[in-house]
PDB file of N, CA and C in Angstrom:
ATOM      1  N   UNK A   1     -93.692  -7.870   5.236  1.00  0.00           N
ATOM      2  CA  UNK A   1     -94.611  -6.757   5.439  1.00  0.00           C
ATOM      3  C   UNK A   1     -94.194  -5.596   4.555  1.00  0.00           C
ATOM      4  N   UNK A   2     -95.155  -4.806   4.166  1.00  0.00           N
ATOM      5  CA  UNK A   2     -94.905  -3.652   3.305  1.00  0.00           C
ATOM      6  C   UNK A   2     -94.041  -2.630   4.025  1.00  0.00           C
ATOM      7  N   UNK A   3     -92.983  -2.218   3.384  1.00  0.00           N
ATOM      8  CA  UNK A   3     -92.075  -1.232   3.964  1.00  0.00           C
ATOM      9  C   UNK A   3     -92.484   0.140   3.465  1.00  0.00           C
ATOM     10  N   UNK A   4     -92.603   1.128   4.398  1.00  0.00           N
ATOM     11  CA  UNK A   4     -92.967   2.475   3.984  1.00  0.00           C
ATOM     12  C   UNK A   4     -91.899   3.015   3.062  1.00  0.00           C
ATOM     13  N   UNK A   5     -92.337   3.635   1.993  1.00  0.00           N
ATOM     14  CA  UNK A   5     -91.415   4.225   1.035  1.00  0.00           C
ATOM     15  C   UNK A   5     -92.189   5.220   0.197  1.00  0.00           C
ATOM     16  N   UNK A   6     -91.472   6.012  -0.524  1.00  0.00           N
ATOM     17  CA  UNK A   6     -92.132   6.940  -1.419  1.00  0.00           C
ATOM     18  C   UNK A   6     -92.833   6.108  -2.489  1.00  0.00           C
ATOM     19  N   UNK A   7     -94.114   6.385  -2.718  1.00  0.00           N
ATOM     20  CA  UNK A   7     -94.910   5.540  -3.585  1.00  0.00           C
ATOM     21  C   UNK A   7     -94.688   5.819  -5.067  1.00  0.00           C
ATOM     22  N   UNK A   8     -94.461   7.058  -5.423  1.00  0.00           N
ATOM     23  CA  UNK A   8     -94.418   7.419  -6.840  1.00  0.00           C
ATOM     24  C   UNK A   8     -93.233   6.800  -7.548  1.00  0.00           C
ATOM     25  N   UNK A   9     -93.502   6.349  -8.761  1.00  0.00           N
ATOM     26  CA  UNK A   9     -92.473   5.879  -9.671  1.00  0.00           C
ATOM     27  C   UNK A   9     -91.733   4.628  -9.210  1.00  0.00           C
ATOM     28  N   UNK A  10     -92.259   3.901  -8.280  1.00  0.00           N
ATOM     29  CA  UNK A  10     -91.666   2.628  -7.899  1.00  0.00           C
ATOM     30  C   UNK A  10     -92.648   1.523  -8.252  1.00  0.00           C
ATOM     31  N   UNK A  11     -92.129   0.432  -8.747  1.00  0.00           N
ATOM     32  CA  UNK A  11     -92.988  -0.688  -9.104  1.00  0.00           C
ATOM     33  C   UNK A  11     -93.232  -1.545  -7.872  1.00  0.00           C
ATOM     34  N   UNK A  12     -94.515  -1.777  -7.575  1.00  0.00           N
ATOM     35  CA  UNK A  12     -94.918  -2.626  -6.463  1.00  0.00           C
ATOM     36  C   UNK A  12     -95.528  -3.887  -7.057  1.00  0.00           C
ATOM     37  N   UNK A  13     -95.054  -5.047  -6.606  1.00  0.00           N
ATOM     38  CA  UNK A  13     -95.557  -6.280  -7.217  1.00  0.00           C
ATOM     39  C   UNK A  13     -96.985  -6.582  -6.766  1.00  0.00           C
ATOM     40  N   UNK A  14     -97.653  -7.398  -7.542  1.00  0.00           N
ATOM     41  CA  UNK A  14     -99.070  -7.688  -7.328  1.00  0.00           C
ATOM     42  C   UNK A  14     -99.336  -8.297  -5.959  1.00  0.00           C
ATOM     43  N   UNK A  15     -98.515  -9.224  -5.518  1.00  0.00           N
ATOM     44  CA  UNK A  15     -98.762  -9.864  -4.219  1.00  0.00           C
ATOM     45  C   UNK A  15     -98.630  -8.853  -3.081  1.00  0.00           C
ATOM     46  N   UNK A  16     -97.721  -7.897  -3.217  1.00  0.00           N
ATOM     47  CA  UNK A  16     -97.562  -6.858  -2.197  1.00  0.00           C
ATOM     48  C   UNK A  16     -98.791  -5.949  -2.183  1.00  0.00           C
ATOM     49  N   UNK A  17     -99.326  -5.653  -3.346  1.00  0.00           N
ATOM     50  CA  UNK A  17    -100.529  -4.825  -3.427  1.00  0.00           C
ATOM     51  C   UNK A  17    -101.715  -5.560  -2.807  1.00  0.00           C
ATOM     52  N   UNK A  18    -101.863  -6.846  -3.107  1.00  0.00           N
ATOM     53  CA  UNK A  18    -102.963  -7.635  -2.539  1.00  0.00           C
ATOM     54  C   UNK A  18    -102.893  -7.666  -1.019  1.00  0.00           C
ATOM     55  N   UNK A  19    -101.713  -7.836  -0.498  1.00  0.00           N
ATOM     56  CA  UNK A  19    -101.540  -7.961   0.951  1.00  0.00           C
ATOM     57  C   UNK A  19    -101.720  -6.630   1.675  1.00  0.00           C
ATOM     58  N   UNK A  20    -101.517  -5.514   0.974  1.00  0.00           N
ATOM     59  CA  UNK A  20    -101.508  -4.206   1.638  1.00  0.00           C
ATOM     60  C   UNK A  20    -102.422  -3.187   0.969  1.00  0.00           C
ATOM     61  N   UNK A  21    -103.467  -3.641   0.324  1.00  0.00           N
ATOM     62  CA  UNK A  21    -104.304  -2.738  -0.455  1.00  0.00           C
ATOM     63  C   UNK A  21    -104.889  -1.600   0.377  1.00  0.00           C
ATOM     64  N   UNK A  22    -105.437  -1.897   1.537  1.00  0.00           N
ATOM     65  CA  UNK A  22    -106.034  -0.844   2.377  1.00  0.00           C
ATOM     66  C   UNK A  22    -105.001   0.212   2.733  1.00  0.00           C
ATOM     67  N   UNK A  23    -103.817  -0.233   3.116  1.00  0.00           N
ATOM     68  CA  UNK A  23    -102.745   0.699   3.466  1.00  0.00           C
ATOM     69  C   UNK A  23    -102.343   1.544   2.251  1.00  0.00           C
ATOM     70  N   UNK A  24    -102.212   0.911   1.103  1.00  0.00           N
ATOM     71  CA  UNK A  24    -101.802   1.634  -0.099  1.00  0.00           C
ATOM     72  C   UNK A  24    -102.844   2.677  -0.500  1.00  0.00           C
ATOM     73  N   UNK A  25    -104.117   2.316  -0.382  1.00  0.00           N
ATOM     74  CA  UNK A  25    -105.173   3.279  -0.699  1.00  0.00           C
ATOM     75  C   UNK A  25    -105.107   4.468   0.247  1.00  0.00           C
ATOM     76  N   UNK A  26    -104.882   4.209   1.519  1.00  0.00           N
ATOM     77  CA  UNK A  26    -104.749   5.298   2.494  1.00  0.00           C
ATOM     78  C   UNK A  26    -103.573   6.201   2.127  1.00  0.00           C
ATOM     79  N   UNK A  27    -102.447   5.606   1.751  1.00  0.00           N
ATOM     80  CA  UNK A  27    -101.268   6.393   1.372  1.00  0.00           C
ATOM     81  C   UNK A  27    -101.538   7.234   0.116  1.00  0.00           C
ATOM     82  N   UNK A  28    -102.254   6.661  -0.827  1.00  0.00           N
ATOM     83  CA  UNK A  28    -102.588   7.404  -2.043  1.00  0.00           C
ATOM     84  C   UNK A  28    -103.481   8.594  -1.703  1.00  0.00           C
ATOM     85  N   UNK A  29    -104.445   8.388  -0.809  1.00  0.00           N
ATOM     86  CA  UNK A  29    -105.325   9.483  -0.402  1.00  0.00           C
ATOM     87  C   UNK A  29    -104.538  10.598   0.275  1.00  0.00           C
ATOM     88  N   UNK A  30    -103.578  10.230   1.104  1.00  0.00           N
ATOM     89  CA  UNK A  30    -102.809  11.220   1.857  1.00  0.00           C
ATOM     90  C   UNK A  30    -101.775  11.945   0.998  1.00  0.00           C
ATOM     91  N   UNK A  31    -101.141  11.232   0.084  1.00  0.00           N
ATOM     92  CA  UNK A  31    -100.043  11.828  -0.687  1.00  0.00           C
ATOM     93  C   UNK A  31    -100.450  12.250  -2.094  1.00  0.00           C
ATOM     94  N   UNK A  32    -101.585  11.750  -2.558  1.00  0.00           N
ATOM     95  CA  UNK A  32    -102.060  12.001  -3.918  1.00  0.00           C
ATOM     96  C   UNK A  32    -101.056  11.535  -4.973  1.00  0.00           C
ATOM     97  N   UNK A  33    -100.247  10.541  -4.626  1.00  0.00           N
ATOM     98  CA  UNK A  33     -99.289   9.957  -5.556  1.00  0.00           C
ATOM     99  C   UNK A  33     -99.834   8.628  -6.065  1.00  0.00           C
ATOM    100  N   UNK A  34     -99.316   8.178  -7.181  1.00  0.00           N
ATOM    101  CA  UNK A  34     -99.755   6.930  -7.793  1.00  0.00           C
ATOM    102  C   UNK A  34     -98.805   5.794  -7.456  1.00  0.00           C
ATOM    103  N   UNK A  35     -99.316   4.578  -7.592  1.00  0.00           N
ATOM    104  CA  UNK A  35     -98.497   3.383  -7.398  1.00  0.00           C
ATOM    105  C   UNK A  35     -98.495   2.620  -8.713  1.00  0.00           C
ATOM    106  N   UNK A  36     -97.327   2.246  -9.162  1.00  0.00           N
ATOM    107  CA  UNK A  36     -97.211   1.427 -10.360  1.00  0.00           C
ATOM    108  C   UNK A  36     -97.201  -0.027  -9.912  1.00  0.00           C
ATOM    109  N   UNK A  37     -98.095  -0.815 -10.473  1.00  0.00           N
ATOM    110  CA  UNK A  37     -98.189  -2.232 -10.128  1.00  0.00           C
ATOM    111  C   UNK A  37     -97.515  -3.024 -11.234  1.00  0.00           C
ATOM    112  N   UNK A  38     -96.624  -3.921 -10.817  1.00  0.00           N
ATOM    113  CA  UNK A  38     -95.874  -4.674 -11.802  1.00  0.00           C
ATOM    114  C   UNK A  38     -96.013  -6.169 -11.652  1.00  0.00           C
ATOM    115  N   UNK A  39     -95.673  -6.851 -12.723  1.00  0.00           N
ATOM    116  CA  UNK A  39     -95.644  -8.306 -12.732  1.00  0.00           C
ATOM    117  C   UNK A  39     -94.308  -8.688 -13.352  1.00  0.00           C
ATOM    118  N   UNK A  40     -93.547  -9.482 -12.639  1.00  0.00           N
ATOM    119  CA  UNK A  40     -92.204  -9.890 -13.075  1.00  0.00           C
ATOM    120  C   UNK A  40     -91.327  -8.668 -13.340  1.00  0.00           C
ATOM    121  N   UNK A  41     -91.505  -7.631 -12.518  1.00  0.00           N
ATOM    122  CA  UNK A  41     -90.675  -6.438 -12.626  1.00  0.00           C
ATOM    123  C   UNK A  41     -91.067  -5.470 -13.724  1.00  0.00           C
ATOM    124  N   UNK A  42     -92.103  -5.798 -14.483  1.00  0.00           N
ATOM    125  CA  UNK A  42     -92.556  -4.927 -15.569  1.00  0.00           C
ATOM    126  C   UNK A  42     -93.871  -4.254 -15.182  1.00  0.00           C
ATOM    127  N   UNK A  43     -94.008  -2.956 -15.415  1.00  0.00           N
ATOM    128  CA  UNK A  43     -95.251  -2.266 -15.067  1.00  0.00           C
ATOM    129  C   UNK A  43     -96.430  -2.762 -15.896  1.00  0.00           C
ATOM    130  N   UNK A  44     -97.566  -2.991 -15.219  1.00  0.00           N
ATOM    131  CA  UNK A  44     -98.774  -3.440 -15.913  1.00  0.00           C
ATOM    132  C   UNK A  44    -100.001  -2.579 -15.596  1.00  0.00           C
ATOM    133  N   UNK A  45     -99.971  -1.827 -14.494  1.00  0.00           N
ATOM    134  CA  UNK A  45    -101.126  -1.014 -14.117  1.00  0.00           C
ATOM    135  C   UNK A  45    -100.681   0.104 -13.186  1.00  0.00           C
ATOM    136  N   UNK A  46    -101.569   1.068 -13.013  1.00  0.00           N
ATOM    137  CA  UNK A  46    -101.310   2.179 -12.099  1.00  0.00           C
ATOM    138  C   UNK A  46    -102.501   2.298 -11.158  1.00  0.00           C
ATOM    139  N   UNK A  47    -102.219   2.422  -9.873  1.00  0.00           N
ATOM    140  CA  UNK A  47    -103.242   2.663  -8.859  1.00  0.00           C
ATOM    141  C   UNK A  47    -103.091   4.116  -8.452  1.00  0.00           C
ATOM    142  N   UNK A  48    -104.141   4.912  -8.675  1.00  0.00           N
ATOM    143  CA  UNK A  48    -104.033   6.336  -8.374  1.00  0.00           C
ATOM    144  C   UNK A  48    -105.327   6.849  -7.766  1.00  0.00           C
ATOM    145  N   UNK A  49    -105.259   8.038  -7.205  1.00  0.00           N
ATOM    146  CA  UNK A  49    -106.423   8.650  -6.578  1.00  0.00           C
ATOM    147  C   UNK A  49    -107.456   9.003  -7.641  1.00  0.00           C
ATOM    148  N   UNK A  50    -108.723   8.871  -7.276  1.00  0.00           N
ATOM    149  CA  UNK A  50    -109.811   9.246  -8.169  1.00  0.00           C
ATOM    150  C   UNK A  50    -109.947  10.756  -8.142  1.00  0.00           C
ATOM    151  N   UNK A  51    -109.967  11.353  -9.316  1.00  0.00           N
ATOM    152  CA  UNK A  51    -110.112  12.807  -9.401  1.00  0.00           C
ATOM    153  C   UNK A  51    -111.483  13.118  -9.978  1.00  0.00           C
ATOM    154  N   UNK A  52    -112.344  13.630  -9.118  1.00  0.00           N
ATOM    155  CA  UNK A  52    -113.686  13.977  -9.569  1.00  0.00           C
ATOM    156  C   UNK A  52    -113.603  15.257 -10.390  1.00  0.00           C
ATOM    157  N   UNK A  53    -114.234  15.233 -11.542  1.00  0.00           N
ATOM    158  CA  UNK A  53    -114.241  16.401 -12.408  1.00  0.00           C
ATOM    159  C   UNK A  53    -115.066  17.493 -11.738  1.00  0.00           C
ATOM    160  N   UNK A  54    -114.459  18.638 -11.509  1.00  0.00           N
ATOM    161  CA  UNK A  54    -115.157  19.714 -10.820  1.00  0.00           C
ATOM    162  C   UNK A  54    -116.106  20.461 -11.750  1.00  0.00           C
ATOM    163  N   UNK A  55    -115.910  20.335 -13.058  1.00  0.00           N
ATOM    164  CA  UNK A  55    -116.796  20.996 -14.000  1.00  0.00           C
ATOM    165  C   UNK A  55    -117.984  20.086 -14.306  1.00  0.00           C
ATOM    166  N   UNK A  56    -119.180  20.641 -14.337  1.00  0.00           N
ATOM    167  CA  UNK A  56    -120.327  19.799 -14.671  1.00  0.00           C
ATOM    168  C   UNK A  56    -120.227  19.332 -16.118  1.00  0.00           C
ATOM    169  N   UNK A  57    -120.739  18.156 -16.371  1.00  0.00           N
ATOM    170  CA  UNK A  57    -120.693  17.609 -17.721  1.00  0.00           C
ATOM    171  C   UNK A  57    -121.581  18.444 -18.629  1.00  0.00           C
ATOM    172  N   UNK A  58    -121.044  18.788 -19.765  1.00  0.00           N
ATOM    173  CA  UNK A  58    -121.748  19.631 -20.711  1.00  0.00           C
ATOM    174  C   UNK A  58    -122.519  18.742 -21.681  1.00  0.00           C
ATOM    175  N   UNK A  59    -123.836  18.837 -21.648  1.00  0.00           N
ATOM    176  CA  UNK A  59    -124.642  18.048 -22.568  1.00  0.00           C
ATOM    177  C   UNK A  59    -124.435  18.577 -23.976  1.00  0.00           C
ATOM    178  N   UNK A  60    -124.305  17.681 -24.905  1.00  0.00           N
ATOM    179  CA  UNK A  60    -124.065  18.085 -26.279  1.00  0.00           C
ATOM    180  C   UNK A  60    -122.594  18.052 -26.629  1.00  0.00           C
ATOM    181  N   UNK A  61    -121.764  17.987 -25.624  1.00  0.00           N
ATOM    182  CA  UNK A  61    -120.331  17.876 -25.858  1.00  0.00           C
ATOM    183  C   UNK A  61    -119.758  19.049 -26.618  1.00  0.00           C
ATOM    184  N   UNK A  62    -118.669  18.802 -27.302  1.00  0.00           N
ATOM    185  CA  UNK A  62    -117.958  19.876 -27.985  1.00  0.00           C
ATOM    186  C   UNK A  62    -118.701  20.377 -29.222  1.00  0.00           C
ATOM    187  N   UNK A  63    -119.704  19.649 -29.681  1.00  0.00           N
ATOM    188  CA  UNK A  63    -120.473  20.068 -30.856  1.00  0.00           C
ATOM    189  C   UNK A  63    -121.637  20.988 -30.493  1.00  0.00           C
ATOM    190  N   UNK A  64    -121.899  21.173 -29.199  1.00  0.00           N
ATOM    191  CA  UNK A  64    -123.048  21.971 -28.792  1.00  0.00           C
ATOM    192  C   UNK A  64    -122.978  23.363 -29.411  1.00  0.00           C
ATOM    193  N   UNK A  65    -124.080  23.765 -30.033  1.00  0.00           N
ATOM    194  CA  UNK A  65    -124.151  25.074 -30.662  1.00  0.00           C
ATOM    195  C   UNK A  65    -123.586  25.105 -32.070  1.00  0.00           C
ATOM    196  N   UNK A  66    -122.950  24.047 -32.512  1.00  0.00           N
ATOM    197  CA  UNK A  66    -122.328  24.015 -33.836  1.00  0.00           C
ATOM    198  C   UNK A  66    -123.202  23.346 -34.884  1.00  0.00           C
ATOM    199  N   UNK A  67    -124.170  22.578 -34.456  1.00  0.00           N
ATOM    200  CA  UNK A  67    -125.004  21.823 -35.385  1.00  0.00           C
ATOM    201  C   UNK A  67    -126.420  22.375 -35.330  1.00  0.00           C
ATOM    202  N   UNK A  68    -126.958  22.652 -36.494  1.00  0.00           N
ATOM    203  CA  UNK A  68    -128.341  23.134 -36.585  1.00  0.00           C
ATOM    204  C   UNK A  68    -129.194  22.029 -37.186  1.00  0.00           C
ATOM    205  N   UNK A  69    -130.323  21.766 -36.567  1.00  0.00           N
ATOM    206  CA  UNK A  69    -131.237  20.745 -37.065  1.00  0.00           C
ATOM    207  C   UNK A  69    -132.434  21.454 -37.691  1.00  0.00           C
ATOM    208  N   UNK A  70    -132.702  21.129 -38.931  1.00  0.00           N
ATOM    209  CA  UNK A  70    -133.811  21.755 -39.647  1.00  0.00           C
ATOM    210  C   UNK A  70    -135.134  21.400 -38.983  1.00  0.00           C
ATOM    211  N   UNK A  71    -136.084  22.313 -39.051  1.00  0.00           N
ATOM    212  CA  UNK A  71    -137.392  22.093 -38.433  1.00  0.00           C
ATOM    213  C   UNK A  71    -138.104  20.890 -39.045  1.00  0.00           C
ATOM    214  N   UNK A  72    -137.826  20.599 -40.314  1.00  0.00           N
ATOM    215  CA  UNK A  72    -138.502  19.492 -40.988  1.00  0.00           C
ATOM    216  C   UNK A  72    -137.606  18.257 -41.136  1.00  0.00           C
ATOM    217  N   UNK A  73    -136.633  18.091 -40.245  1.00  0.00           N
ATOM    218  CA  UNK A  73    -135.672  16.994 -40.387  1.00  0.00           C
ATOM    219  C   UNK A  73    -136.332  15.619 -40.349  1.00  0.00           C
ATOM    220  N   UNK A  74    -137.466  15.504 -39.683  1.00  0.00           N
ATOM    221  CA  UNK A  74    -138.090  14.186 -39.561  1.00  0.00           C
ATOM    222  C   UNK A  74    -139.189  13.940 -40.595  1.00  0.00           C
ATOM    223  N   UNK A  75    -139.371  14.859 -41.528  1.00  0.00           N
ATOM    224  CA  UNK A  75    -140.345  14.634 -42.596  1.00  0.00           C
ATOM    225  C   UNK A  75    -139.727  13.692 -43.614  1.00  0.00           C
ATOM    226  N   UNK A  76    -140.542  12.788 -44.117  1.00  0.00           N
ATOM    227  CA  UNK A  76    -140.050  11.807 -45.075  1.00  0.00           C
ATOM    228  C   UNK A  76    -140.781  11.980 -46.397  1.00  0.00           C
ATOM    229  N   UNK A  77    -140.055  11.864 -47.464  1.00  0.00           N
ATOM    230  CA  UNK A  77    -140.606  11.961 -48.808  1.00  0.00           C
ATOM    231  C   UNK A  77    -141.648  10.856 -49.013  1.00  0.00           C
ATOM    232  N   UNK A  78    -142.774  11.199 -49.657  1.00  0.00           N
ATOM    233  CA  UNK A  78    -143.845  10.217 -49.890  1.00  0.00           C
ATOM    234  C   UNK A  78    -143.344   9.025 -50.690  1.00  0.00           C
ATOM    235  N   UNK A  79    -142.427   9.243 -51.611  1.00  0.00           N
ATOM    236  CA  UNK A  79    -141.898   8.146 -52.429  1.00  0.00           C
ATOM    237  C   UNK A  79    -141.154   7.125 -51.561  1.00  0.00           C
ATOM    238  N   UNK A  80    -140.442   7.594 -50.563  1.00  0.00           N
ATOM    239  CA  UNK A  80    -139.715   6.689 -49.665  1.00  0.00           C
ATOM    240  C   UNK A  80    -140.696   5.895 -48.808  1.00  0.00           C
ATOM    241  N   UNK A  81    -141.698   6.573 -48.269  1.00  0.00           N
ATOM    242  CA  UNK A  81    -142.703   5.879 -47.459  1.00  0.00           C
ATOM    243  C   UNK A  81    -143.427   4.842 -48.309  1.00  0.00           C
ATOM    244  N   UNK A  82    -143.796   5.212 -49.525  1.00  0.00           N
ATOM    245  CA  UNK A  82    -144.465   4.280 -50.433  1.00  0.00           C
ATOM    246  C   UNK A  82    -143.584   3.060 -50.693  1.00  0.00           C
ATOM    247  N   UNK A  83    -142.281   3.272 -50.814  1.00  0.00           N
ATOM    248  CA  UNK A  83    -141.358   2.170 -51.036  1.00  0.00           C
ATOM    249  C   UNK A  83    -141.330   1.190 -49.870  1.00  0.00           C
ATOM    250  N   UNK A  84    -141.461   1.694 -48.664  1.00  0.00           N
ATOM    251  CA  UNK A  84    -141.475   0.819 -47.485  1.00  0.00           C
ATOM    252  C   UNK A  84    -142.733  -0.041 -47.433  1.00  0.00           C
ATOM    253  N   UNK A  85    -143.865   0.553 -47.743  1.00  0.00           N
ATOM    254  CA  UNK A  85    -145.131  -0.140 -47.548  1.00  0.00           C
ATOM    255  C   UNK A  85    -145.660  -0.866 -48.780  1.00  0.00           C
ATOM    256  N   UNK A  86    -145.249  -0.452 -49.954  1.00  0.00           N
ATOM    257  CA  UNK A  86    -145.873  -0.999 -51.152  1.00  0.00           C
ATOM    258  C   UNK A  86    -144.927  -1.737 -52.091  1.00  0.00           C
ATOM    259  N   UNK A  87    -143.654  -1.756 -51.825  1.00  0.00           N
ATOM    260  CA  UNK A  87    -142.754  -2.476 -52.727  1.00  0.00           C
ATOM    261  C   UNK A  87    -142.589  -3.909 -52.235  1.00  0.00           C
ATOM    262  N   UNK A  88    -142.200  -4.768 -53.160  1.00  0.00           N
ATOM    263  CA  UNK A  88    -141.980  -6.155 -52.757  1.00  0.00           C
ATOM    264  C   UNK A  88    -140.601  -6.269 -52.113  1.00  0.00           C
ATOM    265  N   UNK A  89    -140.470  -7.238 -51.246  1.00  0.00           N
ATOM    266  CA  UNK A  89    -139.204  -7.429 -50.547  1.00  0.00           C
ATOM    267  C   UNK A  89    -138.091  -7.799 -51.519  1.00  0.00           C
ATOM    268  N   UNK A  90    -138.419  -8.680 -52.450  1.00  0.00           N
ATOM    269  CA  UNK A  90    -137.456  -9.095 -53.465  1.00  0.00           C
ATOM    270  C   UNK A  90    -138.049  -8.758 -54.829  1.00  0.00           C
ATOM    271  N   UNK A  91    -137.724  -7.597 -55.370  1.00  0.00           N
ATOM    272  CA  UNK A  91    -138.317  -7.208 -56.652  1.00  0.00           C
ATOM    273  C   UNK A  91    -137.960  -8.208 -57.749  1.00  0.00           C
ATOM    274  N   UNK A  92    -138.856  -8.295 -58.711  1.00  0.00           N
ATOM    275  CA  UNK A  92    -138.613  -9.200 -59.840  1.00  0.00           C
ATOM    276  C   UNK A  92    -137.325  -8.808 -60.540  1.00  0.00           C
ATOM    277  N   UNK A  93    -136.518  -9.786 -60.800  1.00  0.00           N
ATOM    278  CA  UNK A  93    -135.281  -9.525 -61.532  1.00  0.00           C
ATOM    279  C   UNK A  93    -135.498  -9.958 -62.968  1.00  0.00           C
ATOM    280  N   UNK A  94    -135.488  -9.024 -63.858  1.00  0.00           N
ATOM    281  CA  UNK A  94    -135.738  -9.362 -65.265  1.00  0.00           C
ATOM    282  C   UNK A  94    -134.493  -9.279 -66.092  1.00  0.00           C
TER     283      UNK A  94
END
C-alpha cells in the first residue's frame, strides 16, 4: 500500500501511481506539490496540479498592434490573375 510521504522530489514508480492514482491526485490538490513518476528508478514524467491561467488569452498574441495590414492587401495584379487563367500548365519548352 502507498505510504504517506512528502510528494515533492521523490520518484514514485508507475505501478504505485496506477494503484493509488485517486489518492495521489487528492494529495496534489491539497499540497500543490508535484509527483515525479519513474521507471526503473529513472524519472520519466511529472504529475502536477493544473494551473488555470488567470489572464484571458490575448488574441493576436505578442504581435498584436505591431503589424499593419494595407487596405489593398488582397488586391491582385492583373498579370498574375491572367497567368492563372490563361497560361498553359506546361509551357512550351523551346
